[in-house]
Protein backbone atom coordinates (compact mmCIF):
# COMPACT_ATOMS: atom_id res chain seq x y z
CA ARG A 1 36.59 75.62 -101.50
CA MET A 2 33.23 74.90 -99.94
CA ASP A 3 31.40 75.49 -96.71
CA GLY A 4 29.85 72.79 -94.54
CA PHE A 5 26.52 72.97 -96.33
CA GLU A 6 28.18 72.43 -99.69
CA LEU A 7 30.29 69.60 -98.24
CA THR A 8 27.17 67.92 -96.87
CA ALA A 9 25.39 68.17 -100.23
CA SER A 10 28.48 66.84 -102.01
CA LEU A 11 28.77 63.87 -99.63
CA ARG A 12 25.11 63.03 -100.13
CA LYS A 13 25.73 62.71 -103.88
CA ASP A 14 28.58 60.23 -103.31
CA LYS A 15 27.51 56.56 -103.17
CA LEU A 16 29.96 55.91 -100.32
CA TYR A 17 28.26 58.45 -98.04
CA LYS A 18 24.69 58.31 -99.26
CA ASN A 19 23.42 56.25 -96.31
CA ILE A 20 25.84 57.38 -93.59
CA PRO A 21 24.28 59.74 -91.04
CA LEU A 22 25.68 63.27 -91.27
CA ILE A 23 25.56 65.69 -88.35
CA ILE A 24 26.31 69.39 -88.71
CA VAL A 25 27.77 71.06 -85.61
CA THR A 26 27.78 74.81 -86.12
CA THR A 27 27.53 78.30 -84.68
CA ARG A 28 24.96 79.30 -87.31
CA GLU A 29 21.79 79.54 -85.23
CA SER A 30 19.22 80.94 -87.65
CA ASP A 31 16.25 78.87 -88.78
CA ALA A 32 17.29 79.59 -92.37
CA ASN A 33 20.72 78.03 -91.80
CA LYS A 34 19.23 75.02 -90.03
CA ARG A 35 16.82 74.53 -92.93
CA ARG A 36 19.71 74.90 -95.39
CA GLY A 37 21.72 72.24 -93.56
CA LEU A 38 18.87 69.77 -93.45
CA GLU A 39 18.00 70.43 -97.10
CA ALA A 40 21.65 69.79 -97.98
CA GLY A 41 21.24 66.31 -96.53
CA ALA A 42 22.26 66.53 -92.87
CA ASP A 43 20.43 64.14 -90.59
CA ALA A 44 20.89 66.38 -87.55
CA TYR A 45 21.86 69.99 -86.87
CA ILE A 46 23.51 70.75 -83.52
CA LEU A 47 24.33 74.25 -82.33
CA LYS A 48 27.71 74.68 -80.66
CA SER A 49 26.07 76.87 -78.01
CA GLU A 50 23.91 73.88 -77.01
CA PHE A 51 26.53 71.17 -77.58
CA THR A 52 27.12 68.50 -74.96
CA SER A 53 28.82 65.16 -75.41
CA GLU A 54 25.70 63.48 -74.01
CA GLY A 55 23.53 65.29 -76.56
CA LEU A 56 25.84 64.22 -79.38
CA LEU A 57 25.77 60.60 -78.22
CA ASN A 58 21.97 60.72 -78.01
CA THR A 59 21.79 62.08 -81.55
CA ILE A 60 24.14 59.38 -82.86
CA GLU A 61 22.13 56.69 -81.07
CA ARG A 62 18.92 58.05 -82.56
CA LEU A 63 20.41 58.08 -86.05
CA ILE A 64 21.96 54.63 -86.04
CA GLY A 65 19.20 53.12 -83.89
């Protein structure tokens, strides 16, 4: 059993996922949780309270350029 932060860190250690952009979508709004997600290897951290499909597409576009 693992949470999303642990899953992100685990994926980053796997050669298959090392260079694939990872986005965390969460309800955890604190700066500490955002920092934890990014330190785990997420490329973006989106809050569910601010989620829009346009925002997600913009984030994906930014990440895959």
